[in-house]
Amino acid sequence: MQEVSIQPKHYLTCLWPGMAELWWRGRLSALPAAIAFAAVVNALLIAKFIFTDWLSGGLVMLACWVVVAAWIVLAIRSAKELPLLLSPRTASEEPDRFSDAQIAYLKGDYAAAEDYLTACLSVEPRDPPALLMLSAVYRQTGRLSASQVLLSEIRKLEVAEKWDLEFTAEEARLERDIEAVESDQESEEDPETETTQGGGENEGDSPENASQDSLPDADSPETADNNVQDDTNDEETENLEHATPDSHTGNSDVFAQDSPAHDTAIEDMLDEFPEPRRRDDGFEAAA
């Protein structure tokens, strides 16, 4: 434990019970004690000088001596605890691990640095350097939200005003890391979106769709002409089927070349087309 230099004006806060803890550490737990002591002192003053009929003179005098004795005891106690209130790490019997935490942080051993800082904060929970380094450890280990919350809490401490420059620099580094993480997440999402869109385009360009696109429209003029031509070809094919001998229908004997029916059929066809008559101006087909 090292000695802490204390100025005489610092002891003024020890004159009232609970005042030193409220003033130097901001401990609200000392506020009820300070209010209770003030209420007792005011009650004795009222009973001694204003409403003298409340209590007998001897009882009031005894109460006054008790209050004075308690006042002295509490003032001495506050004076002894003042070094711990002003500089807990220096006045504590526990070893100061802050330097070890700095060495571990610079080596990149963030787990050990966090352990050392936790030990420091167990002695002095409101130490700005330790809190600032702990926020940096959170940032280095990827716990950005915890680092952000801790920095916001440090800002509320009145002792943090002397470390405003360091806090501002740490906040800038934290914002930079948060933006980097967000940009990485966006870059990871973009390839998935492009892949999905590319898949949709490839499906649209598939051979099936291309073949469907190459088919002519049913209402186009080309389609109508093709349909008319197909109908004509079908009619010609049907006529040829009727005119061509069919060996499967039993008509092969009728159209045999050596049969009398064959000769009769040829004569009938010739009768239908008589020979043309010669005229002076050429040939003219018979009517």
C-alpha atoms as a PDB file:
ATOM      1  CA  MET A   1       0.000   0.000   0.000  1.00  0.00           C
ATOM      2  CA  GLN A   2       1.359   3.389  -1.023  1.00  0.00           C
ATOM      3  CA  GLU A   3       0.791   6.716   0.673  1.00  0.00           C
ATOM      4  CA  VAL A   4      -1.707   9.063  -0.926  1.00  0.00           C
ATOM      5  CA  SER A   5      -1.073  12.765  -0.847  1.00  0.00           C
ATOM      6  CA  ILE A   6      -4.152  14.498   0.565  1.00  0.00           C
ATOM      7  CA  GLN A   7      -4.633  18.236   0.795  1.00  0.00           C
ATOM      8  CA  PRO A   8      -6.111  19.756   3.973  1.00  0.00           C
ATOM      9  CA  LYS A   9      -9.214  20.944   2.141  1.00  0.00           C
ATOM     10  CA  HIS A  10     -10.085  17.348   1.347  1.00  0.00           C
ATOM     11  CA  TYR A  11     -10.693  16.705   5.061  1.00  0.00           C
ATOM     12  CA  LEU A  12     -13.550  19.182   5.113  1.00  0.00           C
ATOM     13  CA  THR A  13     -15.777  16.556   3.557  1.00  0.00           C
ATOM     14  CA  CYS A  14     -15.149  14.345   6.625  1.00  0.00           C
ATOM     15  CA  LEU A  15     -16.873  16.773   8.997  1.00  0.00           C
ATOM     16  CA  TRP A  16     -20.324  15.455   8.126  1.00  0.00           C
ATOM     17  CA  PRO A  17     -21.131  11.737   8.257  1.00  0.00           C
ATOM     18  CA  GLY A  18     -21.528  10.305   4.762  1.00  0.00           C
ATOM     19  CA  MET A  19     -20.407  13.522   3.079  1.00  0.00           C
ATOM     20  CA  ALA A  20     -17.024  12.194   1.946  1.00  0.00           C
ATOM     21  CA  GLU A  21     -18.484   9.127   0.253  1.00  0.00           C
ATOM     22  CA  LEU A  22     -21.114  11.213  -1.497  1.00  0.00           C
ATOM     23  CA  TRP A  23     -18.637  13.841  -2.595  1.00  0.00           C
ATOM     24  CA  TRP A  24     -15.714  11.734  -3.748  1.00  0.00           C
ATOM     25  CA  ARG A  25     -17.352   8.486  -4.796  1.00  0.00           C
ATOM     26  CA  GLY A  26     -20.965   9.392  -5.470  1.00  0.00           C
ATOM     27  CA  ARG A  27     -22.255   6.568  -3.290  1.00  0.00           C
ATOM     28  CA  LEU A  28     -25.972   6.991  -2.710  1.00  0.00           C
ATOM     29  CA  SER A  29     -25.789   4.453   0.089  1.00  0.00           C
ATOM     30  CA  ALA A  30     -24.239   7.171   2.284  1.00  0.00           C
ATOM     31  CA  LEU A  31     -27.125   9.557   1.672  1.00  0.00           C
ATOM     32  CA  PRO A  32     -29.567   8.032   4.241  1.00  0.00           C
ATOM     33  CA  ALA A  33     -26.921   8.253   6.984  1.00  0.00           C
ATOM     34  CA  ALA A  34     -26.266  11.916   6.189  1.00  0.00           C
ATOM     35  CA  ILE A  35     -30.004  12.730   6.179  1.00  0.00           C
ATOM     36  CA  ALA A  36     -30.631  10.833   9.445  1.00  0.00           C
ATOM     37  CA  PHE A  37     -27.775  12.599  11.231  1.00  0.00           C
ATOM     38  CA  ALA A  38     -29.076  15.967  10.040  1.00  0.00           C
ATOM     39  CA  ALA A  39     -32.591  15.124  11.301  1.00  0.00           C
ATOM     40  CA  VAL A  40     -31.268  14.156  14.760  1.00  0.00           C
ATOM     41  CA  VAL A  41     -29.226  17.336  15.084  1.00  0.00           C
ATOM     42  CA  ASN A  42     -32.178  19.506  14.038  1.00  0.00           C
ATOM     43  CA  ALA A  43     -34.531  17.732  16.482  1.00  0.00           C
ATOM     44  CA  LEU A  44     -32.126  18.311  19.400  1.00  0.00           C
ATOM     45  CA  LEU A  45     -31.746  21.988  18.496  1.00  0.00           C
ATOM     46  CA  ILE A  46     -35.525  22.424  18.367  1.00  0.00           C
ATOM     47  CA  ALA A  47     -35.994  20.589  21.669  1.00  0.00           C
ATOM     48  CA  LYS A  48     -33.226  22.627  23.340  1.00  0.00           C
ATOM     49  CA  PHE A  49     -34.057  26.125  22.174  1.00  0.00           C
ATOM     50  CA  ILE A  50     -37.606  26.247  20.747  1.00  0.00           C
ATOM     51  CA  PHE A  51     -39.863  23.616  22.277  1.00  0.00           C
ATOM     52  CA  THR A  52     -38.284  23.153  25.680  1.00  0.00           C
ATOM     53  CA  ASP A  53     -41.349  21.369  27.069  1.00  0.00           C
ATOM     54  CA  TRP A  54     -40.900  18.316  24.830  1.00  0.00           C
ATOM     55  CA  LEU A  55     -38.089  16.766  26.872  1.00  0.00           C
ATOM     56  CA  SER A  56     -36.541  17.461  30.228  1.00  0.00           C
ATOM     57  CA  GLY A  57     -33.326  19.475  30.338  1.00  0.00           C
ATOM     58  CA  GLY A  58     -31.178  16.557  31.540  1.00  0.00           C
ATOM     59  CA  LEU A  59     -32.443  14.221  28.789  1.00  0.00           C
ATOM     60  CA  VAL A  60     -31.793  16.804  26.100  1.00  0.00           C
ATOM     61  CA  MET A  61     -28.280  17.411  27.413  1.00  0.00           C
ATOM     62  CA  LEU A  62     -27.530  13.684  27.406  1.00  0.00           C
ATOM     63  CA  ALA A  63     -28.765  13.358  23.825  1.00  0.00           C
ATOM     64  CA  CYS A  64     -26.555  16.247  22.789  1.00  0.00           C
ATOM     65  CA  TRP A  65     -23.460  14.608  24.234  1.00  0.00           C
ATOM     66  CA  VAL A  66     -24.285  11.344  22.471  1.00  0.00           C
ATOM     67  CA  VAL A  67     -24.698  13.127  19.156  1.00  0.00           C
ATOM     68  CA  VAL A  68     -21.401  14.977  19.596  1.00  0.00           C
ATOM     69  CA  ALA A  69     -19.578  11.750  20.418  1.00  0.00           C
ATOM     70  CA  ALA A  70     -21.078  10.016  17.373  1.00  0.00           C
ATOM     71  CA  TRP A  71     -20.127  12.992  15.256  1.00  0.00           C
ATOM     72  CA  ILE A  72     -16.481  12.787  16.352  1.00  0.00           C
ATOM     73  CA  VAL A  73     -16.286   9.036  15.812  1.00  0.00           C
ATOM     74  CA  LEU A  74     -17.810   9.246  12.334  1.00  0.00           C
ATOM     75  CA  ALA A  75     -15.536  12.165  11.392  1.00  0.00           C
ATOM     76  CA  ILE A  76     -12.415  10.228  12.405  1.00  0.00           C
ATOM     77  CA  ARG A  77     -13.619   7.194  10.517  1.00  0.00           C
ATOM     78  CA  SER A  78     -14.231   9.261   7.388  1.00  0.00           C
ATOM     79  CA  ALA A  79     -10.740  10.810   7.684  1.00  0.00           C
ATOM     80  CA  LYS A  80      -9.147   7.360   7.812  1.00  0.00           C
ATOM     81  CA  GLU A  81     -11.118   6.152   4.802  1.00  0.00           C
ATOM     82  CA  LEU A  82     -10.424   9.283   2.795  1.00  0.00           C
ATOM     83  CA  PRO A  83      -7.298   7.864   1.013  1.00  0.00           C
ATOM     84  CA  LEU A  84      -9.354   4.878  -0.158  1.00  0.00           C
ATOM     85  CA  LEU A  85     -11.994   7.255  -1.433  1.00  0.00           C
ATOM     86  CA  LEU A  86      -9.516   9.453  -3.289  1.00  0.00           C
ATOM     87  CA  SER A  87      -7.256   6.732  -4.759  1.00  0.00           C
ATOM     88  CA  PRO A  88      -8.490   3.216  -4.002  1.00  0.00           C
ATOM     89  CA  ARG A  89      -5.922   1.358  -6.140  1.00  0.00           C
ATOM     90  CA  THR A  90      -3.022   3.144  -4.523  1.00  0.00           C
ATOM     91  CA  ALA A  91      -4.287   2.870  -0.945  1.00  0.00           C
ATOM     92  CA  SER A  92      -5.604  -0.681  -1.228  1.00  0.00           C
ATOM     93  CA  GLU A  93      -3.700  -3.643   0.174  1.00  0.00           C
ATOM     94  CA  GLU A  94      -4.459  -5.565  -3.020  1.00  0.00           C
ATOM     95  CA  PRO A  95      -1.728  -5.394  -5.687  1.00  0.00           C
ATOM     96  CA  ASP A  96      -2.333  -3.002  -8.529  1.00  0.00           C
ATOM     97  CA  ARG A  97      -2.880  -5.054 -11.674  1.00  0.00           C
ATOM     98  CA  PHE A  98      -3.366  -2.174 -14.058  1.00  0.00           C
ATOM     99  CA  SER A  99       0.212  -2.274 -15.363  1.00  0.00           C
ATOM    100  CA  ASP A 100      -0.128  -6.033 -15.928  1.00  0.00           C
ATOM    101  CA  ALA A 101      -3.355  -5.393 -17.828  1.00  0.00           C
ATOM    102  CA  GLN A 102      -1.561  -2.874 -20.061  1.00  0.00           C
ATOM    103  CA  ILE A 103       1.220  -5.360 -20.860  1.00  0.00           C
ATOM    104  CA  ALA A 104      -1.254  -8.147 -21.636  1.00  0.00           C
ATOM    105  CA  TYR A 105      -3.290  -5.811 -23.865  1.00  0.00           C
ATOM    106  CA  LEU A 106      -0.221  -4.752 -25.851  1.00  0.00           C
ATOM    107  CA  LYS A 107       0.758  -8.415 -26.308  1.00  0.00           C
ATOM    108  CA  GLY A 108      -2.698  -9.225 -27.624  1.00  0.00           C
ATOM    109  CA  ASP A 109      -3.579 -11.462 -24.678  1.00  0.00           C
ATOM    110  CA  TYR A 110      -7.033  -9.960 -24.220  1.00  0.00           C
ATOM    111  CA  ALA A 111      -8.300 -12.697 -21.895  1.00  0.00           C
ATOM    112  CA  ALA A 112      -5.530 -12.019 -19.361  1.00  0.00           C
ATOM    113  CA  ALA A 113      -5.994  -8.274 -19.758  1.00  0.00           C
ATOM    114  CA  GLU A 114      -9.693  -8.641 -18.981  1.00  0.00           C
ATOM    115  CA  ASP A 115      -8.903 -10.633 -15.831  1.00  0.00           C
ATOM    116  CA  TYR A 116      -6.445  -8.017 -14.601  1.00  0.00           C
ATOM    117  CA  LEU A 117      -8.869  -5.202 -15.315  1.00  0.00           C
ATOM    118  CA  THR A 118     -11.635  -7.020 -13.456  1.00  0.00           C
ATOM    119  CA  ALA A 119      -9.341  -7.243 -10.428  1.00  0.00           C
ATOM    120  CA  CYS A 120      -8.617  -3.520 -10.682  1.00  0.00           C
ATOM    121  CA  LEU A 121     -12.283  -2.624 -10.931  1.00  0.00           C
ATOM    122  CA  SER A 122     -13.125  -4.767  -7.921  1.00  0.00           C
ATOM    123  CA  VAL A 123     -11.006  -2.331  -5.891  1.00  0.00           C
ATOM    124  CA  GLU A 124     -11.996   0.822  -7.790  1.00  0.00           C
ATOM    125  CA  PRO A 125     -15.202   0.418  -9.855  1.00  0.00           C
ATOM    126  CA  ARG A 126     -15.080   4.031 -11.030  1.00  0.00           C
ATOM    127  CA  ASP A 127     -11.514   4.086 -12.359  1.00  0.00           C
ATOM    128  CA  PRO A 128     -11.659   5.735 -15.826  1.00  0.00           C
ATOM    129  CA  PRO A 129      -8.412   4.234 -17.226  1.00  0.00           C
ATOM    130  CA  ALA A 130      -9.417   0.703 -16.290  1.00  0.00           C
ATOM    131  CA  LEU A 131     -12.914   1.172 -17.679  1.00  0.00           C
ATOM    132  CA  LEU A 132     -11.532   2.633 -20.881  1.00  0.00           C
ATOM    133  CA  MET A 133      -9.119  -0.266 -21.391  1.00  0.00           C
ATOM    134  CA  LEU A 134     -11.867  -2.775 -20.632  1.00  0.00           C
ATOM    135  CA  SER A 135     -13.986  -1.172 -23.351  1.00  0.00           C
ATOM    136  CA  ALA A 136     -11.044  -1.549 -25.732  1.00  0.00           C
ATOM    137  CA  VAL A 137     -10.743  -5.234 -24.777  1.00  0.00           C
ATOM    138  CA  TYR A 138     -14.431  -5.724 -25.567  1.00  0.00           C
ATOM    139  CA  ARG A 139     -13.919  -4.048 -28.924  1.00  0.00           C
ATOM    140  CA  GLN A 140     -10.885  -6.147 -29.801  1.00  0.00           C
ATOM    141  CA  THR A 141     -12.713  -9.377 -28.936  1.00  0.00           C
ATOM    142  CA  GLY A 142     -15.723  -8.535 -31.110  1.00  0.00           C
ATOM    143  CA  ARG A 143     -18.121  -7.567 -28.310  1.00  0.00           C
ATOM    144  CA  LEU A 144     -18.968  -4.247 -29.873  1.00  0.00           C
ATOM    145  CA  SER A 145     -22.337  -3.805 -28.177  1.00  0.00           C
ATOM    146  CA  ALA A 146     -20.802  -4.359 -24.720  1.00  0.00           C
ATOM    147  CA  SER A 147     -18.063  -1.871 -25.507  1.00  0.00           C
ATOM    148  CA  GLN A 148     -20.618   0.680 -26.649  1.00  0.00           C
ATOM    149  CA  VAL A 149     -22.699   0.271 -23.480  1.00  0.00           C
ATOM    150  CA  LEU A 150     -19.632   0.582 -21.259  1.00  0.00           C
ATOM    151  CA  LEU A 151     -18.508   3.782 -22.968  1.00  0.00           C
ATOM    152  CA  SER A 152     -21.951   5.312 -22.535  1.00  0.00           C
ATOM    153  CA  GLU A 153     -21.846   4.480 -18.811  1.00  0.00           C
ATOM    154  CA  ILE A 154     -18.363   5.949 -18.413  1.00  0.00           C
ATOM    155  CA  ARG A 155     -19.585   9.218 -19.863  1.00  0.00           C
ATOM    156  CA  LYS A 156     -21.982   9.579 -16.931  1.00  0.00           C
ATOM    157  CA  LEU A 157     -19.170   9.650 -14.357  1.00  0.00           C
ATOM    158  CA  GLU A 158     -17.981  13.047 -13.200  1.00  0.00           C
ATOM    159  CA  VAL A 159     -14.418  11.732 -12.963  1.00  0.00           C
ATOM    160  CA  ALA A 160     -14.461  10.985 -16.693  1.00  0.00           C
ATOM    161  CA  GLU A 161     -14.141  14.647 -17.654  1.00  0.00           C
ATOM    162  CA  LYS A 162     -10.346  14.485 -17.393  1.00  0.00           C
ATOM    163  CA  TRP A 163     -10.286  11.594 -19.847  1.00  0.00           C
ATOM    164  CA  ASP A 164     -12.538  13.128 -22.456  1.00  0.00           C
ATOM    165  CA  LEU A 165      -9.890  13.027 -25.198  1.00  0.00           C
ATOM    166  CA  GLU A 166      -9.220   9.316 -24.690  1.00  0.00           C
ATOM    167  CA  PHE A 167     -12.934   8.519 -24.579  1.00  0.00           C
ATOM    168  CA  THR A 168     -13.500  10.403 -27.829  1.00  0.00           C
ATOM    169  CA  ALA A 169     -10.710   8.467 -29.549  1.00  0.00           C
ATOM    170  CA  GLU A 170     -12.057   5.142 -28.299  1.00  0.00           C
ATOM    171  CA  GLU A 171     -15.573   6.014 -29.489  1.00  0.00           C
ATOM    172  CA  ALA A 172     -14.171   6.847 -32.942  1.00  0.00           C
ATOM    173  CA  ARG A 173     -12.402   3.472 -33.131  1.00  0.00           C
ATOM    174  CA  LEU A 174     -15.558   1.692 -31.991  1.00  0.00           C
ATOM    175  CA  GLU A 175     -17.691   3.423 -34.635  1.00  0.00           C
ATOM    176  CA  ARG A 176     -15.126   2.475 -37.278  1.00  0.00           C
ATOM    177  CA  ASP A 177     -15.271  -1.186 -36.287  1.00  0.00           C
ATOM    178  CA  ILE A 178     -19.075  -1.172 -36.238  1.00  0.00           C
ATOM    179  CA  GLU A 179     -19.185   0.293 -39.744  1.00  0.00           C
ATOM    180  CA  ALA A 180     -16.679  -2.328 -40.935  1.00  0.00           C
ATOM    181  CA  VAL A 181     -18.818  -5.152 -39.541  1.00  0.00           C
ATOM    182  CA  GLU A 182     -21.965  -3.739 -41.152  1.00  0.00           C
ATOM    183  CA  SER A 183     -20.216  -3.379 -44.520  1.00  0.00           C
ATOM    184  CA  ASP A 184     -19.004  -6.994 -44.304  1.00  0.00           C
ATOM    185  CA  GLN A 185     -22.535  -8.199 -43.603  1.00  0.00           C
ATOM    186  CA  GLU A 186     -23.875  -6.249 -46.594  1.00  0.00           C
ATOM    187  CA  SER A 187     -21.139  -7.669 -48.851  1.00  0.00           C
ATOM    188  CA  GLU A 188     -22.071 -11.187 -47.740  1.00  0.00           C
ATOM    189  CA  GLU A 189     -25.730 -10.589 -48.565  1.00  0.00           C
ATOM    190  CA  ASP A 190     -25.072  -9.064 -52.024  1.00  0.00           C
ATOM    191  CA  PRO A 191     -23.607 -12.229 -53.684  1.00  0.00           C
ATOM    192  CA  GLU A 192     -26.631 -14.250 -52.573  1.00  0.00           C
ATOM    193  CA  THR A 193     -28.960 -11.702 -54.164  1.00  0.00           C
ATOM    194  CA  GLU A 194     -26.941 -11.648 -57.386  1.00  0.00           C
ATOM    195  CA  THR A 195     -26.944 -15.454 -57.514  1.00  0.00           C
ATOM    196  CA  THR A 196     -30.717 -15.532 -57.139  1.00  0.00           C
ATOM    197  CA  GLN A 197     -31.207 -12.943 -59.864  1.00  0.00           C
ATOM    198  CA  GLY A 198     -28.713 -14.721 -62.145  1.00  0.00           C
ATOM    199  CA  GLY A 199     -30.578 -17.997 -61.671  1.00  0.00           C
ATOM    200  CA  GLY A 200     -33.828 -16.342 -62.714  1.00  0.00           C
ATOM    201  CA  GLU A 201     -32.193 -14.923 -65.842  1.00  0.00           C
ATOM    202  CA  ASN A 202     -30.726 -18.305 -66.779  1.00  0.00           C
ATOM    203  CA  GLU A 203     -34.094 -19.936 -66.409  1.00  0.00           C
ATOM    204  CA  GLY A 204     -35.538 -17.326 -68.732  1.00  0.00           C
ATOM    205  CA  ASP A 205     -32.801 -18.076 -71.291  1.00  0.00           C
ATOM    206  CA  SER A 206     -33.207 -21.884 -71.191  1.00  0.00           C
ATOM    207  CA  PRO A 207     -33.523 -23.848 -74.486  1.00  0.00           C
ATOM    208  CA  GLU A 208     -37.155 -24.639 -73.755  1.00  0.00           C
ATOM    209  CA  ASN A 209     -38.006 -20.961 -73.468  1.00  0.00           C
ATOM    210  CA  ALA A 210     -35.910 -20.224 -76.547  1.00  0.00           C
ATOM    211  CA  SER A 211     -37.779 -22.860 -78.539  1.00  0.00           C
ATOM    212  CA  GLN A 212     -41.077 -21.500 -77.329  1.00  0.00           C
ATOM    213  CA  ASP A 213     -40.033 -17.991 -78.324  1.00  0.00           C
ATOM    214  CA  SER A 214     -38.975 -19.242 -81.784  1.00  0.00           C
ATOM    215  CA  LEU A 215     -42.445 -20.684 -82.481  1.00  0.00           C
ATOM    216  CA  PRO A 216     -44.559 -18.357 -84.679  1.00  0.00           C
ATOM    217  CA  ASP A 217     -47.620 -16.742 -83.308  1.00  0.00           C
ATOM    218  CA  ALA A 218     -50.930 -18.472 -84.048  1.00  0.00           C
ATOM    219  CA  ASP A 219     -52.434 -15.193 -85.259  1.00  0.00           C
ATOM    220  CA  SER A 220     -49.517 -14.176 -87.509  1.00  0.00           C
ATOM    221  CA  PRO A 221     -49.937 -14.093 -91.351  1.00  0.00           C
ATOM    222  CA  GLU A 222     -47.194 -16.699 -91.810  1.00  0.00           C
ATOM    223  CA  THR A 223     -49.079 -19.136 -89.643  1.00  0.00           C
ATOM    224  CA  ALA A 224     -52.292 -18.572 -91.612  1.00  0.00           C
ATOM    225  CA  ASP A 225     -50.484 -19.210 -94.952  1.00  0.00           C
ATOM    226  CA  ASN A 226     -48.883 -22.352 -93.587  1.00  0.00           C
ATOM    227  CA  ASN A 227     -52.275 -23.623 -92.412  1.00  0.00           C
ATOM    228  CA  VAL A 228     -53.830 -23.025 -95.871  1.00  0.00           C
ATOM    229  CA  GLN A 229     -50.937 -24.811 -97.564  1.00  0.00           C
ATOM    230  CA  ASP A 230     -51.223 -27.739 -95.172  1.00  0.00           C
ATOM    231  CA  ASP A 231     -54.953 -28.043 -95.926  1.00  0.00           C
ATOM    232  CA  THR A 232     -54.238 -28.065 -99.688  1.00  0.00           C
ATOM    233  CA  ASN A 233     -51.580 -30.738 -99.319  1.00  0.00           C
ATOM    234  CA  ASP A 234     -53.970 -32.836 -97.250  1.00  0.00           C
ATOM    235  CA  GLU A 235     -56.671 -32.632 -99.961  1.00  0.00           C
ATOM    236  CA  GLU A 236     -54.211 -33.613-102.723  1.00  0.00           C
ATOM    237  CA  THR A 237     -52.956 -36.498-100.633  1.00  0.00           C
ATOM    238  CA  GLU A 238     -56.518 -37.681-100.057  1.00  0.00           C
ATOM    239  CA  ASN A 239     -57.319 -37.554-103.802  1.00  0.00           C
ATOM    240  CA  LEU A 240     -54.196 -39.495-104.626  1.00  0.00           C
ATOM    241  CA  GLU A 241     -55.138 -42.129-102.086  1.00  0.00           C
ATOM    242  CA  HIS A 242     -58.553 -42.542-103.809  1.00  0.00           C
ATOM    243  CA  ALA A 243     -56.988 -42.674-107.265  1.00  0.00           C
ATOM    244  CA  THR A 244     -54.114 -45.001-106.391  1.00  0.00           C
ATOM    245  CA  PRO A 245     -54.829 -48.730-106.298  1.00  0.00           C
ATOM    246  CA  ASP A 246     -54.876 -50.102-102.844  1.00  0.00           C
ATOM    247  CA  SER A 247     -53.606 -53.608-102.491  1.00  0.00           C
ATOM    248  CA  HIS A 248     -55.176 -53.939 -99.081  1.00  0.00           C
ATOM    249  CA  THR A 249     -58.768 -53.142-100.167  1.00  0.00           C
ATOM    250  CA  GLY A 250     -59.159 -56.038-102.653  1.00  0.00           C
ATOM    251  CA  ASN A 251     -59.040 -53.855-105.850  1.00  0.00           C
ATOM    252  CA  SER A 252     -55.807 -55.330-107.203  1.00  0.00           C
ATOM    253  CA  ASP A 253     -57.736 -57.596-109.671  1.00  0.00           C
ATOM    254  CA  VAL A 254     -59.698 -54.720-111.150  1.00  0.00           C
ATOM    255  CA  PHE A 255     -56.565 -52.699-112.027  1.00  0.00           C
ATOM    256  CA  ALA A 256     -54.416 -55.574-113.176  1.00  0.00           C
ATOM    257  CA  GLN A 257     -52.791 -54.769-116.529  1.00  0.00           C
ATOM    258  CA  ASP A 258     -53.732 -58.121-118.183  1.00  0.00           C
ATOM    259  CA  SER A 259     -57.331 -58.161-117.054  1.00  0.00           C
ATOM    260  CA  PRO A 260     -60.313 -57.159-119.244  1.00  0.00           C
ATOM    261  CA  ALA A 261     -61.417 -54.709-116.582  1.00  0.00           C
ATOM    262  CA  HIS A 262     -58.166 -52.864-117.075  1.00  0.00           C
ATOM    263  CA  ASP A 263     -58.826 -52.397-120.795  1.00  0.00           C
ATOM    264  CA  THR A 264     -62.430 -51.343-120.209  1.00  0.00           C
ATOM    265  CA  ALA A 265     -61.298 -48.732-117.663  1.00  0.00           C
ATOM    266  CA  ILE A 266     -58.787 -47.293-120.114  1.00  0.00           C
ATOM    267  CA  GLU A 267     -61.452 -47.072-122.893  1.00  0.00           C
ATOM    268  CA  ASP A 268     -63.839 -45.288-120.558  1.00  0.00           C
ATOM    269  CA  MET A 269     -61.135 -42.760-119.658  1.00  0.00           C
ATOM    270  CA  LEU A 270     -60.418 -42.154-123.354  1.00  0.00           C
ATOM    271  CA  ASP A 271     -64.134 -41.642-124.100  1.00  0.00           C
ATOM    272  CA  GLU A 272     -64.252 -38.928-121.523  1.00  0.00           C
ATOM    273  CA  PHE A 273     -61.465 -37.055-123.323  1.00  0.00           C
ATOM    274  CA  PRO A 274     -62.190 -37.268-127.135  1.00  0.00           C
ATOM    275  CA  GLU A 275     -59.569 -36.361-129.678  1.00  0.00           C
ATOM    276  CA  PRO A 276     -59.337 -32.713-130.694  1.00  0.00           C
ATOM    277  CA  ARG A 277     -60.515 -31.720-134.173  1.00  0.00           C
ATOM    278  CA  ARG A 278     -58.144 -30.075-136.594  1.00  0.00           C
ATOM    279  CA  ARG A 279     -58.995 -26.586-137.681  1.00  0.00           C
ATOM    280  CA  ASP A 280     -57.346 -24.205-139.979  1.00  0.00           C
ATOM    281  CA  ASP A 281     -56.169 -22.016-137.103  1.00  0.00           C
ATOM    282  CA  GLY A 282     -54.898 -24.916-134.936  1.00  0.00           C
ATOM    283  CA  PHE A 283     -56.168 -27.482-132.513  1.00  0.00           C
ATOM    284  CA  GLU A 284     -59.304 -26.959-130.453  1.00  0.00           C
ATOM    285  CA  ALA A 285     -60.412 -29.236-127.667  1.00  0.00           C
ATOM    286  CA  ALA A 286     -63.794 -30.917-128.145  1.00  0.00           C
ATOM    287  CA  ALA A 287     -66.566 -29.594-126.051  1.00  0.00           C
END
